[in-house]
Amino acid sequence: MDENTFAALMGRLTREIAGAPLGTALQMHLNADHGPGSDLFEAIFDACKIGVKEGWICNREGGGIRYGRVLKATEATHGFSVDVVDMENRVGPYHVHPNGEIDLIMPLTPGACFDANPAGWCVYEPSSGHRPTVTKGRALVLYLLPQGAIDFTPEAA
């Protein structure tokens, strides 16, 4: 596994979901067709673990969170950027998703959750925001961001 192979793997997924509205229907589709145990889920999870081990995924650290943008939003990724974070029992900084966010939750500790969601997919609609939170252990979370858009802003009161 290397960055080019990872990019091709992600391109297969982003081609499938390009143009789909970000919301509950997409989340249900991804979990039904590409949830834990599926070939695609396991291939992405394995790729992320290899990338972390080799240092080309999650190659930065801040506030106890390892993270990194693996792929920029390009035609090859159908306009999605790909970021991966490695978090353990941690709350991340508040941010807003101007165009939405698609998350793949990959627990490294059995039972670890991301924003109270177990292993699988979580989709946030455009203009949503949150403080990303991993509980019950350690997890890798892959973020697909349409046009790479994310705004780290103070949380609204």
C-alpha atoms as a PDB file:
ATOM      1  CA  MET A   1       0.000   0.000   0.000  1.00  0.00           C
ATOM      2  CA  ASP A   2       1.275   3.447  -0.905  1.00  0.00           C
ATOM      3  CA  GLU A   3      -0.234   6.892  -1.464  1.00  0.00           C
ATOM      4  CA  ASN A   4      -1.053   6.210  -5.138  1.00  0.00           C
ATOM      5  CA  THR A   5      -2.804   2.930  -4.350  1.00  0.00           C
ATOM      6  CA  PHE A   6      -4.668   4.662  -1.512  1.00  0.00           C
ATOM      7  CA  ALA A   7      -5.727   7.457  -3.888  1.00  0.00           C
ATOM      8  CA  ALA A   8      -7.078   4.884  -6.357  1.00  0.00           C
ATOM      9  CA  LEU A   9      -8.994   3.138  -3.562  1.00  0.00           C
ATOM     10  CA  MET A  10     -10.531   6.415  -2.425  1.00  0.00           C
ATOM     11  CA  GLY A  11     -11.320   7.367  -6.032  1.00  0.00           C
ATOM     12  CA  ARG A  12     -13.468   4.231  -6.369  1.00  0.00           C
ATOM     13  CA  LEU A  13     -15.516   5.326  -3.362  1.00  0.00           C
ATOM     14  CA  THR A  14     -15.752   9.012  -4.248  1.00  0.00           C
ATOM     15  CA  ARG A  15     -16.834   8.180  -7.820  1.00  0.00           C
ATOM     16  CA  GLU A  16     -19.766   6.248  -6.348  1.00  0.00           C
ATOM     17  CA  ILE A  17     -20.904   9.035  -4.016  1.00  0.00           C
ATOM     18  CA  ALA A  18     -20.048  12.118  -6.109  1.00  0.00           C
ATOM     19  CA  GLY A  19     -23.118  14.314  -6.418  1.00  0.00           C
ATOM     20  CA  ALA A  20     -25.130  12.505  -3.728  1.00  0.00           C
ATOM     21  CA  PRO A  21     -26.751  14.796  -1.150  1.00  0.00           C
ATOM     22  CA  LEU A  22     -24.981  14.544   2.197  1.00  0.00           C
ATOM     23  CA  GLY A  23     -27.459  13.323   4.791  1.00  0.00           C
ATOM     24  CA  THR A  24     -29.205  10.335   6.330  1.00  0.00           C
ATOM     25  CA  ALA A  25     -29.909   8.522   3.041  1.00  0.00           C
ATOM     26  CA  LEU A  26     -26.211   8.540   2.100  1.00  0.00           C
ATOM     27  CA  GLN A  27     -25.236   7.384   5.592  1.00  0.00           C
ATOM     28  CA  MET A  28     -27.695   4.483   5.353  1.00  0.00           C
ATOM     29  CA  HIS A  29     -26.396   3.534   1.889  1.00  0.00           C
ATOM     30  CA  LEU A  30     -22.748   3.594   2.971  1.00  0.00           C
ATOM     31  CA  ASN A  31     -23.409   1.513   6.080  1.00  0.00           C
ATOM     32  CA  ALA A  32     -25.539  -1.004   4.154  1.00  0.00           C
ATOM     33  CA  ASP A  33     -23.144  -1.421   1.221  1.00  0.00           C
ATOM     34  CA  HIS A  34     -19.731  -0.537   2.689  1.00  0.00           C
ATOM     35  CA  GLY A  35     -20.058  -1.005   6.451  1.00  0.00           C
ATOM     36  CA  PRO A  36     -17.799  -2.984   8.776  1.00  0.00           C
ATOM     37  CA  GLY A  37     -16.912  -6.366   7.328  1.00  0.00           C
ATOM     38  CA  SER A  38     -17.397  -5.255   3.718  1.00  0.00           C
ATOM     39  CA  ASP A  39     -14.510  -5.469   1.287  1.00  0.00           C
ATOM     40  CA  LEU A  40     -14.284  -1.684   0.894  1.00  0.00           C
ATOM     41  CA  PHE A  41     -14.436  -0.936   4.633  1.00  0.00           C
ATOM     42  CA  GLU A  42     -11.731  -3.490   5.371  1.00  0.00           C
ATOM     43  CA  ALA A  43      -9.531  -2.300   2.483  1.00  0.00           C
ATOM     44  CA  ILE A  44      -9.717   1.326   3.644  1.00  0.00           C
ATOM     45  CA  PHE A  45      -9.129   0.348   7.288  1.00  0.00           C
ATOM     46  CA  ASP A  46      -6.097  -1.779   6.351  1.00  0.00           C
ATOM     47  CA  ALA A  47      -4.729   1.014   4.140  1.00  0.00           C
ATOM     48  CA  CYS A  48      -5.097   3.558   6.930  1.00  0.00           C
ATOM     49  CA  LYS A  49      -3.344   1.321   9.472  1.00  0.00           C
ATOM     50  CA  ILE A  50      -0.466   0.783   7.027  1.00  0.00           C
ATOM     51  CA  GLY A  51      -0.270   4.514   6.242  1.00  0.00           C
ATOM     52  CA  VAL A  52      -0.151   5.407   9.942  1.00  0.00           C
ATOM     53  CA  LYS A  53       2.567   2.821  10.561  1.00  0.00           C
ATOM     54  CA  GLU A  54       4.599   4.066   7.568  1.00  0.00           C
ATOM     55  CA  GLY A  55       4.082   7.725   8.507  1.00  0.00           C
ATOM     56  CA  TRP A  56       2.232   9.072   5.445  1.00  0.00           C
ATOM     57  CA  ILE A  57      -1.143   9.109   7.228  1.00  0.00           C
ATOM     58  CA  CYS A  58      -1.611  11.086  10.479  1.00  0.00           C
ATOM     59  CA  ASN A  59       1.828  12.633  10.114  1.00  0.00           C
ATOM     60  CA  ARG A  60       1.050  15.680  12.278  1.00  0.00           C
ATOM     61  CA  GLU A  61       0.108  16.066  15.911  1.00  0.00           C
ATOM     62  CA  GLY A  62      -1.602  18.714  17.987  1.00  0.00           C
ATOM     63  CA  GLY A  63      -3.478  18.583  21.260  1.00  0.00           C
ATOM     64  CA  GLY A  64      -2.967  14.836  21.562  1.00  0.00           C
ATOM     65  CA  ILE A  65      -4.549  14.184  18.156  1.00  0.00           C
ATOM     66  CA  ARG A  66      -2.595  12.764  15.232  1.00  0.00           C
ATOM     67  CA  TYR A  67      -3.983  13.961  11.913  1.00  0.00           C
ATOM     68  CA  GLY A  68      -3.241  14.860   8.332  1.00  0.00           C
ATOM     69  CA  ARG A  69      -4.717  15.617   4.950  1.00  0.00           C
ATOM     70  CA  VAL A  70      -3.837  12.585   2.858  1.00  0.00           C
ATOM     71  CA  LEU A  71      -5.415  13.732  -0.421  1.00  0.00           C
ATOM     72  CA  LYS A  72      -6.445  17.153  -1.639  1.00  0.00           C
ATOM     73  CA  ALA A  73      -9.798  17.671  -3.331  1.00  0.00           C
ATOM     74  CA  THR A  74      -9.088  16.996  -7.023  1.00  0.00           C
ATOM     75  CA  GLU A  75     -10.750  15.458 -10.045  1.00  0.00           C
ATOM     76  CA  ALA A  76      -9.180  12.116  -9.069  1.00  0.00           C
ATOM     77  CA  THR A  77     -11.143  12.216  -5.793  1.00  0.00           C
ATOM     78  CA  HIS A  78     -14.251  13.714  -7.433  1.00  0.00           C
ATOM     79  CA  GLY A  79     -13.873  16.925  -5.453  1.00  0.00           C
ATOM     80  CA  PHE A  80     -13.420  15.355  -2.020  1.00  0.00           C
ATOM     81  CA  SER A  81     -10.390  15.829   0.191  1.00  0.00           C
ATOM     82  CA  VAL A  82      -9.381  12.928   2.421  1.00  0.00           C
ATOM     83  CA  ASP A  83      -8.165  13.497   5.966  1.00  0.00           C
ATOM     84  CA  VAL A  84      -7.482  10.912   8.668  1.00  0.00           C
ATOM     85  CA  VAL A  85      -7.263  11.458  12.425  1.00  0.00           C
ATOM     86  CA  ASP A  86      -6.083   9.130  15.166  1.00  0.00           C
ATOM     87  CA  MET A  87      -7.807   9.921  18.466  1.00  0.00           C
ATOM     88  CA  GLU A  88      -8.060   8.200  21.827  1.00  0.00           C
ATOM     89  CA  ASN A  89     -10.676   9.288  24.372  1.00  0.00           C
ATOM     90  CA  ARG A  90     -10.381  12.855  23.158  1.00  0.00           C
ATOM     91  CA  VAL A  91     -12.524  15.819  22.143  1.00  0.00           C
ATOM     92  CA  GLY A  92     -11.249  17.721  19.112  1.00  0.00           C
ATOM     93  CA  PRO A  93     -11.643  21.365  18.148  1.00  0.00           C
ATOM     94  CA  TYR A  94     -15.026  22.689  17.066  1.00  0.00           C
ATOM     95  CA  HIS A  95     -15.466  23.062  13.334  1.00  0.00           C
ATOM     96  CA  VAL A  96     -18.162  23.618  10.725  1.00  0.00           C
ATOM     97  CA  HIS A  97     -18.632  21.650   7.497  1.00  0.00           C
ATOM     98  CA  PRO A  98     -19.718  24.213   4.862  1.00  0.00           C
ATOM     99  CA  ASN A  99     -20.407  21.440   2.328  1.00  0.00           C
ATOM    100  CA  GLY A 100     -20.927  18.569   4.768  1.00  0.00           C
ATOM    101  CA  GLU A 101     -18.639  15.800   5.950  1.00  0.00           C
ATOM    102  CA  ILE A 102     -18.560  12.025   5.481  1.00  0.00           C
ATOM    103  CA  ASP A 103     -16.774  10.092   8.232  1.00  0.00           C
ATOM    104  CA  LEU A 104     -15.572   6.504   8.285  1.00  0.00           C
ATOM    105  CA  ILE A 105     -15.134   5.308  11.874  1.00  0.00           C
ATOM    106  CA  MET A 106     -12.493   2.606  12.290  1.00  0.00           C
ATOM    107  CA  PRO A 107     -12.054   1.546  15.934  1.00  0.00           C
ATOM    108  CA  LEU A 108      -8.573   0.455  16.939  1.00  0.00           C
ATOM    109  CA  THR A 109      -9.976  -0.406  20.376  1.00  0.00           C
ATOM    110  CA  PRO A 110     -13.018  -2.690  20.128  1.00  0.00           C
ATOM    111  CA  GLY A 111     -16.122  -0.634  20.907  1.00  0.00           C
ATOM    112  CA  ALA A 112     -14.503   2.786  20.409  1.00  0.00           C
ATOM    113  CA  CYS A 113     -17.016   5.349  19.133  1.00  0.00           C
ATOM    114  CA  PHE A 114     -16.836   8.621  17.226  1.00  0.00           C
ATOM    115  CA  ASP A 115     -19.502  11.163  18.158  1.00  0.00           C
ATOM    116  CA  ALA A 116     -21.341   8.253  19.846  1.00  0.00           C
ATOM    117  CA  ASN A 117     -21.306   6.258  16.567  1.00  0.00           C
ATOM    118  CA  PRO A 118     -19.714   2.786  16.405  1.00  0.00           C
ATOM    119  CA  ALA A 119     -17.650   1.434  13.514  1.00  0.00           C
ATOM    120  CA  GLY A 120     -19.094   2.480  10.165  1.00  0.00           C
ATOM    121  CA  TRP A 121     -20.173   5.637   8.401  1.00  0.00           C
ATOM    122  CA  CYS A 122     -21.490   8.927   9.770  1.00  0.00           C
ATOM    123  CA  VAL A 123     -22.618  11.716   7.424  1.00  0.00           C
ATOM    124  CA  TYR A 124     -23.003  15.363   8.422  1.00  0.00           C
ATOM    125  CA  GLU A 125     -25.128  17.697   6.306  1.00  0.00           C
ATOM    126  CA  PRO A 126     -23.812  20.983   4.874  1.00  0.00           C
ATOM    127  CA  SER A 127     -23.446  23.810   7.427  1.00  0.00           C
ATOM    128  CA  SER A 128     -23.347  21.368  10.358  1.00  0.00           C
ATOM    129  CA  GLY A 129     -20.705  21.646  13.045  1.00  0.00           C
ATOM    130  CA  HIS A 130     -19.379  19.649  15.973  1.00  0.00           C
ATOM    131  CA  ARG A 131     -16.538  18.917  18.349  1.00  0.00           C
ATOM    132  CA  PRO A 132     -15.292  15.539  17.076  1.00  0.00           C
ATOM    133  CA  THR A 133     -15.188  13.146  20.001  1.00  0.00           C
ATOM    134  CA  VAL A 134     -13.759   9.662  20.365  1.00  0.00           C
ATOM    135  CA  THR A 135     -14.881   7.677  23.418  1.00  0.00           C
ATOM    136  CA  LYS A 136     -14.342   4.142  24.713  1.00  0.00           C
ATOM    137  CA  GLY A 137     -10.809   3.885  23.341  1.00  0.00           C
ATOM    138  CA  ARG A 138      -8.882   4.686  20.203  1.00  0.00           C
ATOM    139  CA  ALA A 139     -10.122   5.060  16.635  1.00  0.00           C
ATOM    140  CA  LEU A 140      -9.003   6.186  13.221  1.00  0.00           C
ATOM    141  CA  VAL A 141     -11.551   8.428  11.524  1.00  0.00           C
ATOM    142  CA  LEU A 142     -11.365   9.174   7.813  1.00  0.00           C
ATOM    143  CA  TYR A 143     -13.035  12.438   6.724  1.00  0.00           C
ATOM    144  CA  LEU A 144     -14.264  13.099   3.198  1.00  0.00           C
ATOM    145  CA  LEU A 145     -14.814  16.836   2.744  1.00  0.00           C
ATOM    146  CA  PRO A 146     -16.488  18.142  -0.430  1.00  0.00           C
ATOM    147  CA  GLN A 147     -14.077  20.685  -1.971  1.00  0.00           C
ATOM    148  CA  GLY A 148     -11.903  20.209   1.111  1.00  0.00           C
ATOM    149  CA  ALA A 149     -14.051  22.738   2.969  1.00  0.00           C
ATOM    150  CA  ILE A 150     -13.779  22.889   6.758  1.00  0.00           C
ATOM    151  CA  ASP A 151     -13.919  25.940   9.029  1.00  0.00           C
ATOM    152  CA  PHE A 152     -12.332  25.848  12.466  1.00  0.00           C
ATOM    153  CA  THR A 153     -14.268  28.581  14.226  1.00  0.00           C
ATOM    154  CA  PRO A 154     -15.274  29.341  17.786  1.00  0.00           C
ATOM    155  CA  GLU A 155     -18.337  27.387  18.826  1.00  0.00           C
ATOM    156  CA  ALA A 156     -21.544  29.394  18.584  1.00  0.00           C
ATOM    157  CA  ALA A 157     -23.029  30.266  21.940  1.00  0.00           C
END
